[in-house]
Amino acid sequence: MIRPSEYELKLLRHLWRDKRLSAREIQTLSETETQWSFSATRKTLERMVDKGLLAIETVHGVKTYVAAQGKLETLAALVSDFAKNVLDLTEPVPAATFAHSRNISPNEIAELEAMLEKLSKADDQ
C-alpha cells in the first residue's frame, strides 16, 4: 500500500468522489485547499502517477486521472498505521470514529471497520 502525503490526499479525495477528472478539474476543485498554480497541481499529479497512486486514462482525447488505490483501503492503512505507531493502540480504531465524516458513507463505515479489524489481526501475527 502506497502511503499518500497530506497534499496527495487532498487531490485523491476529489478523485475518490468523482472517479475520473482532468488535471484542470482537479486543480479547480482543490485550489482553495492547496493554493497551487495549475502547473504545481499538474506536477503533483505526474508524481502521483509515477508513485502508483493514480492512473491515466484518455477519454475523448482528454487525459484524465483515476485513483489507483481505493479510498477505504488507503484510509484503513493510514488509520491503522497511525493507531499502531503514534497512539500505540493494540486494538483497532472503532469505525464509529468516522460516523460524522463527509467523505465516508454509512455503508462504507462497516466495510472500513472490517478492514481495520483485518489489519489489526495481521499486525498481531
N, C-alpha and C. Protein backbone atom coordinates (compact mmCIF):
# COMPACT_ATOMS: atom_id res chain seq x y z
N MET A 1 0.85 -1.19 0.00
CA MET A 1 0.00 0.00 0.00
C MET A 1 0.88 1.23 0.00
N ILE A 2 0.66 2.10 -0.94
CA ILE A 2 1.41 3.35 -1.05
C ILE A 2 0.76 4.37 -0.12
N ARG A 3 1.54 4.99 0.74
CA ARG A 3 1.02 5.97 1.69
C ARG A 3 1.09 7.36 1.05
N PRO A 4 -0.05 7.95 0.73
CA PRO A 4 -0.04 9.29 0.15
C PRO A 4 0.29 10.36 1.18
N SER A 5 0.89 11.45 0.70
CA SER A 5 1.18 12.59 1.57
C SER A 5 -0.10 13.37 1.84
N GLU A 6 0.01 14.33 2.72
CA GLU A 6 -1.14 15.18 3.06
C GLU A 6 -1.75 15.83 1.81
N TYR A 7 -0.90 16.38 0.95
CA TYR A 7 -1.42 17.07 -0.23
C TYR A 7 -1.90 16.10 -1.29
N GLU A 8 -1.29 14.94 -1.37
CA GLU A 8 -1.78 13.92 -2.30
C GLU A 8 -3.18 13.46 -1.88
N LEU A 9 -3.41 13.38 -0.58
CA LEU A 9 -4.74 13.01 -0.09
C LEU A 9 -5.78 14.05 -0.47
N LYS A 10 -5.40 15.32 -0.47
CA LYS A 10 -6.33 16.37 -0.87
C LYS A 10 -6.78 16.18 -2.32
N LEU A 11 -5.87 15.76 -3.17
CA LEU A 11 -6.21 15.52 -4.58
C LEU A 11 -6.97 14.21 -4.73
N LEU A 12 -6.54 13.20 -4.02
CA LEU A 12 -7.22 11.90 -4.09
C LEU A 12 -8.68 12.00 -3.64
N ARG A 13 -8.94 12.79 -2.64
CA ARG A 13 -10.31 12.93 -2.14
C ARG A 13 -11.28 13.31 -3.26
N HIS A 14 -10.86 14.19 -4.14
CA HIS A 14 -11.72 14.60 -5.25
C HIS A 14 -11.90 13.46 -6.25
N LEU A 15 -10.83 12.71 -6.48
CA LEU A 15 -10.92 11.59 -7.41
C LEU A 15 -11.75 10.45 -6.84
N TRP A 16 -11.66 10.20 -5.56
CA TRP A 16 -12.49 9.16 -4.96
C TRP A 16 -13.97 9.52 -5.07
N ARG A 17 -14.28 10.79 -4.96
CA ARG A 17 -15.67 11.22 -5.06
C ARG A 17 -16.17 11.24 -6.50
N ASP A 18 -15.35 11.79 -7.40
CA ASP A 18 -15.81 11.99 -8.78
C ASP A 18 -15.33 10.93 -9.76
N LYS A 19 -14.50 10.01 -9.33
CA LYS A 19 -14.00 8.86 -10.09
C LYS A 19 -12.97 9.20 -11.16
N ARG A 20 -13.21 10.17 -12.00
CA ARG A 20 -12.29 10.49 -13.09
C ARG A 20 -12.35 12.00 -13.34
N LEU A 21 -11.18 12.62 -13.34
CA LEU A 21 -11.12 14.07 -13.55
C LEU A 21 -9.90 14.43 -14.39
N SER A 22 -10.00 15.52 -15.11
CA SER A 22 -8.83 16.06 -15.82
C SER A 22 -7.98 16.85 -14.83
N ALA A 23 -6.77 17.16 -15.22
CA ALA A 23 -5.88 17.95 -14.37
C ALA A 23 -6.51 19.31 -14.06
N ARG A 24 -7.13 19.91 -15.05
CA ARG A 24 -7.77 21.22 -14.85
C ARG A 24 -8.91 21.11 -13.84
N GLU A 25 -9.71 20.06 -13.92
CA GLU A 25 -10.81 19.88 -12.97
C GLU A 25 -10.28 19.67 -11.55
N ILE A 26 -9.24 18.88 -11.43
CA ILE A 26 -8.64 18.64 -10.11
C ILE A 26 -8.10 19.94 -9.54
N GLN A 27 -7.44 20.71 -10.37
CA GLN A 27 -6.87 21.98 -9.91
C GLN A 27 -7.98 22.93 -9.46
N THR A 28 -9.05 23.00 -10.21
CA THR A 28 -10.17 23.88 -9.85
C THR A 28 -10.81 23.45 -8.53
N LEU A 29 -11.00 22.15 -8.35
CA LEU A 29 -11.62 21.64 -7.13
C LEU A 29 -10.73 21.79 -5.89
N SER A 30 -9.42 21.72 -6.08
CA SER A 30 -8.51 21.72 -4.93
C SER A 30 -7.80 23.05 -4.70
N GLU A 31 -8.03 24.03 -5.55
CA GLU A 31 -7.28 25.29 -5.49
C GLU A 31 -7.40 26.00 -4.14
N THR A 32 -8.58 26.03 -3.54
CA THR A 32 -8.72 26.72 -2.26
C THR A 32 -8.00 25.99 -1.14
N GLU A 33 -7.87 24.66 -1.26
CA GLU A 33 -7.17 23.88 -0.23
C GLU A 33 -5.65 23.97 -0.38
N THR A 34 -5.18 23.91 -1.60
CA THR A 34 -3.74 23.82 -1.84
C THR A 34 -3.08 25.17 -2.11
N GLN A 35 -3.85 26.10 -2.69
CA GLN A 35 -3.30 27.40 -3.12
C GLN A 35 -2.23 27.22 -4.20
N TRP A 36 -2.35 26.15 -4.98
CA TRP A 36 -1.37 25.85 -6.02
C TRP A 36 -1.77 26.43 -7.36
N SER A 37 -0.76 26.69 -8.18
CA SER A 37 -1.00 27.04 -9.58
C SER A 37 -1.34 25.76 -10.33
N PHE A 38 -1.82 25.90 -11.55
CA PHE A 38 -2.13 24.73 -12.37
C PHE A 38 -0.88 23.89 -12.60
N SER A 39 0.25 24.53 -12.85
CA SER A 39 1.47 23.77 -13.13
C SER A 39 1.91 22.96 -11.89
N ALA A 40 1.73 23.51 -10.70
CA ALA A 40 2.09 22.77 -9.48
C ALA A 40 1.17 21.57 -9.29
N THR A 41 -0.12 21.75 -9.55
CA THR A 41 -1.07 20.64 -9.46
C THR A 41 -0.71 19.57 -10.48
N ARG A 42 -0.45 19.97 -11.70
CA ARG A 42 -0.12 19.01 -12.76
C ARG A 42 1.16 18.24 -12.42
N LYS A 43 2.16 18.91 -11.88
CA LYS A 43 3.40 18.24 -11.50
C LYS A 43 3.15 17.22 -10.38
N THR A 44 2.33 17.58 -9.42
CA THR A 44 1.99 16.65 -8.34
C THR A 44 1.24 15.44 -8.89
N LEU A 45 0.34 15.67 -9.81
CA LEU A 45 -0.39 14.56 -10.43
C LEU A 45 0.58 13.62 -11.17
N GLU A 46 1.55 14.18 -11.86
CA GLU A 46 2.54 13.36 -12.56
C GLU A 46 3.34 12.51 -11.56
N ARG A 47 3.72 13.10 -10.44
CA ARG A 47 4.45 12.35 -9.40
C ARG A 47 3.58 11.25 -8.81
N MET A 48 2.30 11.54 -8.65
CA MET A 48 1.38 10.54 -8.11
C MET A 48 1.21 9.36 -9.07
N VAL A 49 1.24 9.64 -10.35
CA VAL A 49 1.20 8.57 -11.35
C VAL A 49 2.47 7.73 -11.23
N ASP A 50 3.62 8.40 -11.14
CA ASP A 50 4.91 7.70 -11.01
C ASP A 50 4.94 6.82 -9.76
N LYS A 51 4.33 7.27 -8.67
CA LYS A 51 4.31 6.51 -7.42
C LYS A 51 3.30 5.36 -7.45
N GLY A 52 2.37 5.40 -8.40
CA GLY A 52 1.35 4.37 -8.46
C GLY A 52 0.06 4.73 -7.75
N LEU A 53 -0.08 5.99 -7.33
CA LEU A 53 -1.31 6.42 -6.67
C LEU A 53 -2.43 6.71 -7.66
N LEU A 54 -2.05 7.11 -8.87
CA LEU A 54 -3.02 7.45 -9.91
C LEU A 54 -2.72 6.69 -11.19
N ALA A 55 -3.75 6.56 -12.00
CA ALA A 55 -3.60 6.02 -13.35
C ALA A 55 -4.15 7.06 -14.32
N ILE A 56 -3.61 7.07 -15.52
CA ILE A 56 -4.07 7.99 -16.56
C ILE A 56 -4.96 7.22 -17.53
N GLU A 57 -6.08 7.81 -17.87
CA GLU A 57 -6.97 7.26 -18.89
C GLU A 57 -7.36 8.40 -19.82
N THR A 58 -7.23 8.16 -21.09
CA THR A 58 -7.62 9.16 -22.07
C THR A 58 -9.07 8.92 -22.47
N VAL A 59 -9.89 9.96 -22.34
CA VAL A 59 -11.30 9.87 -22.67
C VAL A 59 -11.62 10.99 -23.66
N HIS A 60 -12.05 10.61 -24.87
CA HIS A 60 -12.36 11.58 -25.92
C HIS A 60 -11.20 12.53 -26.18
N GLY A 61 -9.99 12.00 -26.13
CA GLY A 61 -8.80 12.79 -26.39
C GLY A 61 -8.31 13.63 -25.23
N VAL A 62 -8.97 13.52 -24.08
CA VAL A 62 -8.59 14.29 -22.90
C VAL A 62 -7.94 13.35 -21.89
N LYS A 63 -6.77 13.74 -21.40
CA LYS A 63 -6.06 12.96 -20.38
C LYS A 63 -6.77 13.16 -19.05
N THR A 64 -7.22 12.06 -18.46
CA THR A 64 -7.89 12.12 -17.17
C THR A 64 -7.16 11.24 -16.17
N TYR A 65 -7.44 11.48 -14.92
CA TYR A 65 -6.79 10.75 -13.83
C TYR A 65 -7.84 9.98 -13.04
N VAL A 66 -7.47 8.78 -12.61
CA VAL A 66 -8.31 7.97 -11.73
C VAL A 66 -7.43 7.47 -10.58
N ALA A 67 -8.03 7.29 -9.44
CA ALA A 67 -7.28 6.78 -8.28
C ALA A 67 -6.91 5.32 -8.54
N ALA A 68 -5.67 4.97 -8.30
CA ALA A 68 -5.21 3.60 -8.48
C ALA A 68 -5.39 2.77 -7.21
N GLN A 69 -5.66 3.44 -6.10
CA GLN A 69 -5.91 2.78 -4.82
C GLN A 69 -7.29 3.19 -4.35
N GLY A 70 -8.00 2.26 -3.77
CA GLY A 70 -9.32 2.56 -3.25
C GLY A 70 -9.28 3.46 -2.03
N LYS A 71 -10.34 4.21 -1.85
CA LYS A 71 -10.44 5.13 -0.72
C LYS A 71 -10.39 4.39 0.61
N LEU A 72 -11.20 3.36 0.77
CA LEU A 72 -11.27 2.67 2.05
C LEU A 72 -9.98 1.93 2.37
N GLU A 73 -9.36 1.31 1.37
CA GLU A 73 -8.10 0.62 1.60
C GLU A 73 -7.02 1.60 2.06
N THR A 74 -6.98 2.75 1.42
CA THR A 74 -5.98 3.77 1.77
C THR A 74 -6.24 4.30 3.18
N LEU A 75 -7.50 4.63 3.46
CA LEU A 75 -7.83 5.15 4.79
C LEU A 75 -7.57 4.13 5.89
N ALA A 76 -7.92 2.88 5.63
CA ALA A 76 -7.69 1.83 6.63
C ALA A 76 -6.20 1.69 6.93
N ALA A 77 -5.37 1.72 5.90
CA ALA A 77 -3.93 1.59 6.10
C ALA A 77 -3.38 2.79 6.88
N LEU A 78 -3.82 3.99 6.53
CA LEU A 78 -3.35 5.19 7.23
C LEU A 78 -3.80 5.21 8.70
N VAL A 79 -5.07 4.89 8.94
CA VAL A 79 -5.60 4.90 10.30
C VAL A 79 -4.94 3.82 11.13
N SER A 80 -4.77 2.64 10.56
CA SER A 80 -4.13 1.54 11.27
C SER A 80 -2.68 1.88 11.63
N ASP A 81 -1.97 2.47 10.68
CA ASP A 81 -0.58 2.87 10.92
C ASP A 81 -0.51 3.92 12.03
N PHE A 82 -1.39 4.91 11.98
CA PHE A 82 -1.42 5.96 13.00
C PHE A 82 -1.74 5.38 14.37
N ALA A 83 -2.75 4.51 14.43
CA ALA A 83 -3.16 3.92 15.70
C ALA A 83 -2.02 3.11 16.32
N LYS A 84 -1.33 2.36 15.49
CA LYS A 84 -0.26 1.49 15.99
C LYS A 84 1.00 2.28 16.32
N ASN A 85 1.45 3.14 15.41
CA ASN A 85 2.75 3.78 15.54
C ASN A 85 2.75 5.11 16.29
N VAL A 86 1.61 5.76 16.34
CA VAL A 86 1.55 7.05 17.04
C VAL A 86 0.82 6.92 18.37
N LEU A 87 -0.34 6.28 18.33
CA LEU A 87 -1.14 6.15 19.56
C LEU A 87 -0.78 4.91 20.37
N ASP A 88 -0.03 4.00 19.78
CA ASP A 88 0.38 2.75 20.44
C ASP A 88 -0.83 1.94 20.89
N LEU A 89 -1.87 1.92 20.04
CA LEU A 89 -3.07 1.14 20.35
C LEU A 89 -2.85 -0.32 19.96
N THR A 90 -3.42 -1.20 20.73
CA THR A 90 -3.33 -2.63 20.42
C THR A 90 -4.63 -3.16 19.82
N GLU A 91 -5.67 -2.38 19.87
CA GLU A 91 -6.96 -2.74 19.29
C GLU A 91 -7.24 -1.83 18.11
N PRO A 92 -8.05 -2.29 17.14
CA PRO A 92 -8.35 -1.42 16.00
C PRO A 92 -9.16 -0.20 16.43
N VAL A 93 -8.99 0.89 15.70
CA VAL A 93 -9.76 2.10 15.93
C VAL A 93 -11.21 1.80 15.59
N PRO A 94 -12.17 2.15 16.45
CA PRO A 94 -13.57 1.86 16.13
C PRO A 94 -14.03 2.67 14.92
N ALA A 95 -14.71 2.01 14.03
CA ALA A 95 -15.18 2.69 12.82
C ALA A 95 -16.18 3.79 13.14
N ALA A 96 -16.80 3.74 14.31
CA ALA A 96 -17.73 4.80 14.71
C ALA A 96 -17.03 6.16 14.75
N THR A 97 -15.71 6.14 14.85
CA THR A 97 -14.92 7.36 14.81
C THR A 97 -15.22 8.16 13.54
N PHE A 98 -15.61 7.47 12.47
CA PHE A 98 -15.81 8.11 11.17
C PHE A 98 -17.27 8.40 10.87
N ALA A 99 -18.14 8.23 11.85
CA ALA A 99 -19.59 8.37 11.64
C ALA A 99 -19.99 9.74 11.10
N HIS A 100 -19.26 10.78 11.44
CA HIS A 100 -19.65 12.12 11.01
C HIS A 100 -18.79 12.64 9.85
N SER A 101 -18.06 11.76 9.23
CA SER A 101 -17.24 12.16 8.09
C SER A 101 -18.11 12.46 6.88
N ARG A 102 -17.79 13.53 6.18
CA ARG A 102 -18.49 13.87 4.94
C ARG A 102 -17.99 13.03 3.78
N ASN A 103 -16.87 12.30 3.99
CA ASN A 103 -16.25 11.54 2.91
C ASN A 103 -16.49 10.04 2.98
N ILE A 104 -17.15 9.58 4.03
CA ILE A 104 -17.40 8.15 4.19
C ILE A 104 -18.88 7.95 4.46
N SER A 105 -19.52 7.14 3.64
CA SER A 105 -20.95 6.88 3.79
C SER A 105 -21.18 5.86 4.90
N PRO A 106 -22.40 5.79 5.42
CA PRO A 106 -22.70 4.78 6.44
C PRO A 106 -22.39 3.35 5.97
N ASN A 107 -22.64 3.05 4.72
CA ASN A 107 -22.33 1.72 4.18
C ASN A 107 -20.83 1.47 4.18
N GLU A 108 -20.06 2.50 3.90
CA GLU A 108 -18.61 2.35 3.86
C GLU A 108 -18.01 2.17 5.25
N ILE A 109 -18.68 2.67 6.28
CA ILE A 109 -18.16 2.55 7.64
C ILE A 109 -18.03 1.09 8.05
N ALA A 110 -19.03 0.28 7.72
CA ALA A 110 -18.96 -1.14 8.06
C ALA A 110 -17.81 -1.82 7.32
N GLU A 111 -17.64 -1.46 6.06
CA GLU A 111 -16.54 -2.03 5.28
C GLU A 111 -15.18 -1.59 5.84
N LEU A 112 -15.08 -0.32 6.22
CA LEU A 112 -13.85 0.20 6.80
C LEU A 112 -13.55 -0.51 8.13
N GLU A 113 -14.58 -0.74 8.93
CA GLU A 113 -14.38 -1.42 10.21
C GLU A 113 -13.81 -2.82 9.99
N ALA A 114 -14.31 -3.52 8.99
CA ALA A 114 -13.80 -4.87 8.68
C ALA A 114 -12.34 -4.80 8.25
N MET A 115 -12.00 -3.80 7.46
CA MET A 115 -10.61 -3.65 7.02
C MET A 115 -9.68 -3.34 8.19
N LEU A 116 -10.13 -2.47 9.10
CA LEU A 116 -9.32 -2.13 10.27
C LEU A 116 -9.11 -3.35 11.15
N GLU A 117 -10.14 -4.14 11.31
CA GLU A 117 -10.03 -5.37 12.11
C GLU A 117 -9.04 -6.33 11.46
N LYS A 118 -9.13 -6.47 10.16
CA LYS A 118 -8.22 -7.37 9.43
C LYS A 118 -6.77 -6.90 9.55
N LEU A 119 -6.54 -5.60 9.42
CA LEU A 119 -5.18 -5.06 9.56
C LEU A 119 -4.66 -5.24 10.99
N SER A 120 -5.53 -5.09 11.96
CA SER A 120 -5.12 -5.28 13.36
C SER A 120 -4.71 -6.72 13.61
N LYS A 121 -5.45 -7.65 13.07
CA LYS A 121 -5.11 -9.07 13.23
C LYS A 121 -3.81 -9.40 12.52
N ALA A 122 -3.58 -8.80 11.36
CA ALA A 122 -2.35 -9.03 10.62
C ALA A 122 -1.15 -8.50 11.40
N ASP A 123 -1.34 -7.38 12.10
CA ASP A 123 -0.25 -6.80 12.90
C ASP A 123 0.10 -7.69 14.10
N ASP A 124 -0.90 -8.42 14.61
CA ASP A 124 -0.70 -9.29 15.77
C ASP A 124 0.13 -10.52 15.42
N GLN A 125 0.19 -10.86 14.16
CA GLN A 125 0.88 -12.09 13.76
C GLN A 125 2.34 -11.88 13.51
